[in-house]
Protein backbone atom coordinates (compact mmCIF):
# COMPACT_ATOMS: atom_id res chain seq x y z
CA MET A 1 13.55 -25.53 6.91
CA HIS A 2 10.03 -25.38 5.48
CA ASN A 3 9.81 -21.66 6.34
CA LEU A 4 13.14 -21.05 4.61
CA LEU A 5 11.87 -22.71 1.40
CA ILE A 6 8.70 -20.62 1.51
CA LEU A 7 10.73 -17.45 2.02
CA LEU A 8 13.07 -18.33 -0.88
CA SER A 9 10.09 -19.13 -3.12
CA VAL A 10 8.46 -15.80 -2.32
CA LEU A 11 11.70 -13.91 -2.93
CA LEU A 12 12.39 -15.69 -6.20
CA ALA A 13 8.82 -15.24 -7.39
CA GLY A 14 9.10 -11.54 -6.66
CA CYS A 15 12.35 -11.22 -8.61
CA LEU A 16 11.35 -13.19 -11.68
CA PRO A 17 8.75 -10.72 -12.97
CA ALA A 18 11.28 -7.89 -12.67
CA PHE A 19 13.77 -9.76 -14.86
CA ASN A 20 11.00 -10.66 -17.25
CA ILE A 21 9.83 -7.02 -17.55
CA ASN A 22 13.36 -5.83 -18.29
CA ASP A 23 13.75 -8.50 -20.95
CA HIS A 24 10.48 -7.43 -22.57
CA ALA A 25 11.48 -3.76 -22.47
CA ARG A 26 14.76 -4.63 -24.16
CA ASP A 27 12.88 -6.73 -26.74
CA ARG A 28 10.45 -3.87 -27.47
CA GLU A 29 13.39 -1.57 -28.20
CA GLN A 30 14.49 -4.04 -30.88
CA LEU A 31 11.10 -4.20 -32.64
CA PRO A 32 11.01 -2.69 -36.14
CA GLY A 33 7.51 -1.18 -35.83
CA PRO A 34 8.38 1.83 -33.66
CA VAL A 35 11.53 2.54 -35.71
CA LEU A 36 9.63 2.54 -39.00
CA GLN A 37 6.72 4.46 -37.49
CA SER A 38 8.94 7.33 -36.32
CA ALA A 39 10.65 7.65 -39.70
CA GLU A 40 7.36 7.49 -41.58
CA GLU A 41 5.78 10.08 -39.29
CA PHE A 42 8.74 12.41 -39.93
CA PHE A 43 8.14 12.36 -43.70
CA ILE A 44 4.34 12.55 -43.32
CA SER A 45 4.79 15.59 -41.06
CA LEU A 46 6.95 17.29 -43.70
CA GLU A 47 4.45 16.46 -46.43
CA SER A 48 1.55 17.92 -44.45
CA GLY A 49 3.42 21.04 -43.33
CA ARG A 50 3.53 20.01 -39.67
CA TYR A 51 7.11 21.19 -39.25
CA ASP A 52 6.89 21.30 -35.47
CA ALA A 53 6.09 17.56 -35.42
CA ALA A 54 8.92 16.85 -37.88
CA TRP A 55 11.33 18.82 -35.68
CA GLU A 56 10.35 16.80 -32.61
CA LEU A 57 11.10 13.59 -34.51
CA LEU A 58 14.69 14.62 -35.27
CA SER A 59 17.70 13.52 -33.27
CA GLU A 60 19.29 16.16 -31.08
CA LYS A 61 22.43 16.06 -33.23
CA SER A 62 20.34 16.74 -36.36
CA ARG A 63 18.61 19.69 -34.71
CA GLU A 64 21.93 21.19 -33.66
CA ALA A 65 23.40 20.62 -37.14
CA ILE A 66 20.44 22.32 -38.83
CA MET A 67 20.62 25.38 -36.59
CA ASP A 68 24.38 25.58 -37.08
CA ASP A 69 24.07 25.26 -40.87
CA VAL A 70 21.42 27.98 -40.99
CA TYR A 71 23.71 30.18 -38.90
CA GLN A 72 26.73 29.52 -41.16
CA ALA A 73 24.68 30.27 -44.27
CA SER A 74 23.30 33.44 -42.67
CA LEU A 75 26.82 34.66 -41.94
CA LYS A 76 27.56 34.60 -45.67
CA ILE A 77 24.75 37.10 -46.18
CA ARG A 78 25.01 39.16 -42.99
CA LYS A 79 28.22 39.18 -40.98
CA ASP A 80 26.42 40.43 -37.88
CA THR A 81 24.12 37.38 -37.65
CA ARG A 82 23.79 36.12 -34.09
CA LYS A 83 23.58 32.38 -33.54
CA ASP A 84 21.58 32.78 -30.34
CA LEU A 85 18.80 34.52 -32.30
CA ILE A 86 18.64 31.69 -34.82
CA ILE A 87 18.48 29.14 -32.01
CA LYS A 88 15.76 31.18 -30.30
CA ASP A 89 13.79 31.36 -33.57
CA PHE A 90 14.01 27.58 -34.06
CA ARG A 91 12.99 26.91 -30.47
CA SER A 92 10.00 29.26 -30.75
CA ARG A 93 9.13 27.87 -34.23
CA GLY A 94 9.54 31.34 -35.71
CA GLU A 95 9.92 32.72 -39.21
CA ILE A 96 13.39 31.30 -39.90
CA PHE A 97 12.28 27.87 -38.64
CA ASN A 98 9.20 27.82 -40.88
CA SER A 99 11.07 29.21 -43.90
CA TYR A 100 13.74 26.57 -43.49
CA TRP A 101 11.22 23.71 -43.33
CA ARG A 102 9.12 25.03 -46.23
CA ALA A 103 12.26 25.13 -48.38
CA PHE A 104 13.31 21.70 -47.17
CA ALA A 105 9.89 20.17 -47.86
CA ASN A 106 9.67 21.84 -51.30
CA ASN A 107 12.96 20.21 -52.29
CA LEU A 108 12.04 16.75 -51.04
CA ASP A 109 9.83 14.32 -52.92
CA THR A 110 7.93 12.87 -49.96
CA ALA A 111 5.56 10.95 -52.27
CA LEU A 112 8.54 9.11 -53.74
CA ILE A 113 9.83 8.31 -50.26
CA LEU A 114 6.50 7.35 -48.70
CA GLU A 115 4.58 5.79 -51.58
CA ARG A 116 7.01 4.62 -54.25
CA SER A 117 9.99 3.41 -52.25
CA ARG A 118 10.67 0.17 -50.46
CA TRP A 119 11.43 0.42 -46.75
CA GLU A 120 13.18 -2.29 -44.77
CA ILE A 121 15.17 -2.53 -41.58
CA GLY A 122 18.92 -2.63 -42.11
CA TYR A 123 19.62 -3.27 -38.44
CA ILE A 124 18.37 -2.50 -34.97
CA LYS A 125 20.84 -2.33 -32.11
CA THR A 126 20.59 -0.85 -28.66
CA GLY A 127 19.91 2.83 -29.22
CA ARG A 128 20.55 2.77 -32.98
CA ALA A 129 18.85 1.51 -36.11
CA GLU A 130 19.07 1.87 -39.84
CA ILE A 131 16.25 1.88 -42.38
CA LEU A 132 17.03 1.07 -46.00
CA ILE A 133 14.89 3.14 -48.37
CA SER A 134 15.26 2.09 -51.99
CA HIS A 135 13.61 3.06 -55.25
CA ARG A 136 13.77 1.29 -58.63
CA GLY A 137 16.99 -0.63 -58.09
CA ALA A 138 19.03 2.40 -57.00
CA PRO A 139 21.30 1.86 -54.02
CA PRO A 140 19.24 2.38 -50.88
CA ALA A 141 19.45 5.46 -48.71
CA ARG A 142 20.50 4.32 -45.24
CA LEU A 143 18.41 6.40 -42.87
CA LYS A 144 19.98 6.40 -39.41
CA MET A 145 17.70 6.34 -36.39
CA PHE A 146 18.59 6.97 -32.75
CA ARG A 147 16.78 6.19 -29.53
CA GLU A 148 16.61 9.35 -27.40
CA ASN A 149 14.38 9.83 -24.36
CA LEU A 150 12.72 6.44 -25.01
CA LYS A 151 11.67 7.43 -28.57
CA TRP A 152 13.13 6.69 -31.98
CA LYS A 153 14.43 9.85 -33.68
CA VAL A 154 15.42 10.45 -37.29
CA GLY A 155 19.11 11.19 -37.79
CA ILE A 156 18.74 13.25 -40.93
CA ALA A 157 22.06 15.06 -40.47
CA GLU A 158 23.81 11.87 -39.37
CA THR A 159 22.52 10.18 -42.52
CA PHE A 160 23.14 12.77 -45.20
CA ARG A 161 25.55 15.34 -43.85
CA THR A 162 29.02 15.38 -45.30
CA LYS A 163 31.90 17.69 -44.50
CA LYS A 164 30.16 20.32 -46.59
CA PRO A 165 26.72 21.22 -45.21
CA TRP A 166 24.12 19.29 -47.17
CA PHE A 167 21.55 22.00 -46.61
CA GLU A 168 23.36 24.41 -48.93
CA LEU A 169 20.90 24.00 -51.81
CA LEU A 170 18.07 25.10 -49.57
CA TYR A 171 19.75 28.30 -48.49
CA LYS A 172 19.25 30.02 -51.81
CA GLU A 173 15.53 29.61 -51.38
CA LEU A 174 15.59 30.13 -47.61
CA LEU A 175 17.64 33.30 -47.44
């Protein structure tokens, strides 16, 4: 009987830290710091011209939407535009990629967002979060964030995209 109690104690002691670690991992996912840090780094990267870093901080859906929007806009100018070449350019951080991000950054007031706006967490759920970014009493922008590959990613397309591509203003400058 004594040996059975010792065996059960050892087994239980071995299991408890595993449950505790999982609980802490789940708790860390719910912390606001990493969510806010990812979003802030996205805008800082745009402001400093580090477009590659900004791209890596975007959700997969946002990346796909951007490449698709650039393709659709390119078709309006050249009917023989190939989507695979646009995707290849974005993946290799080529001329179209850099032109797109320069135009995007030039049309975005990062100082207003980073320095003169109030940031607060709207919610954090498993795999999703929302940051409220407000300025001078205007209704807040609700920046959607997504957890992908253990990192928080900015859902720029999920936040601002409507049925009509929201990137349209940039195309005049881009193309």
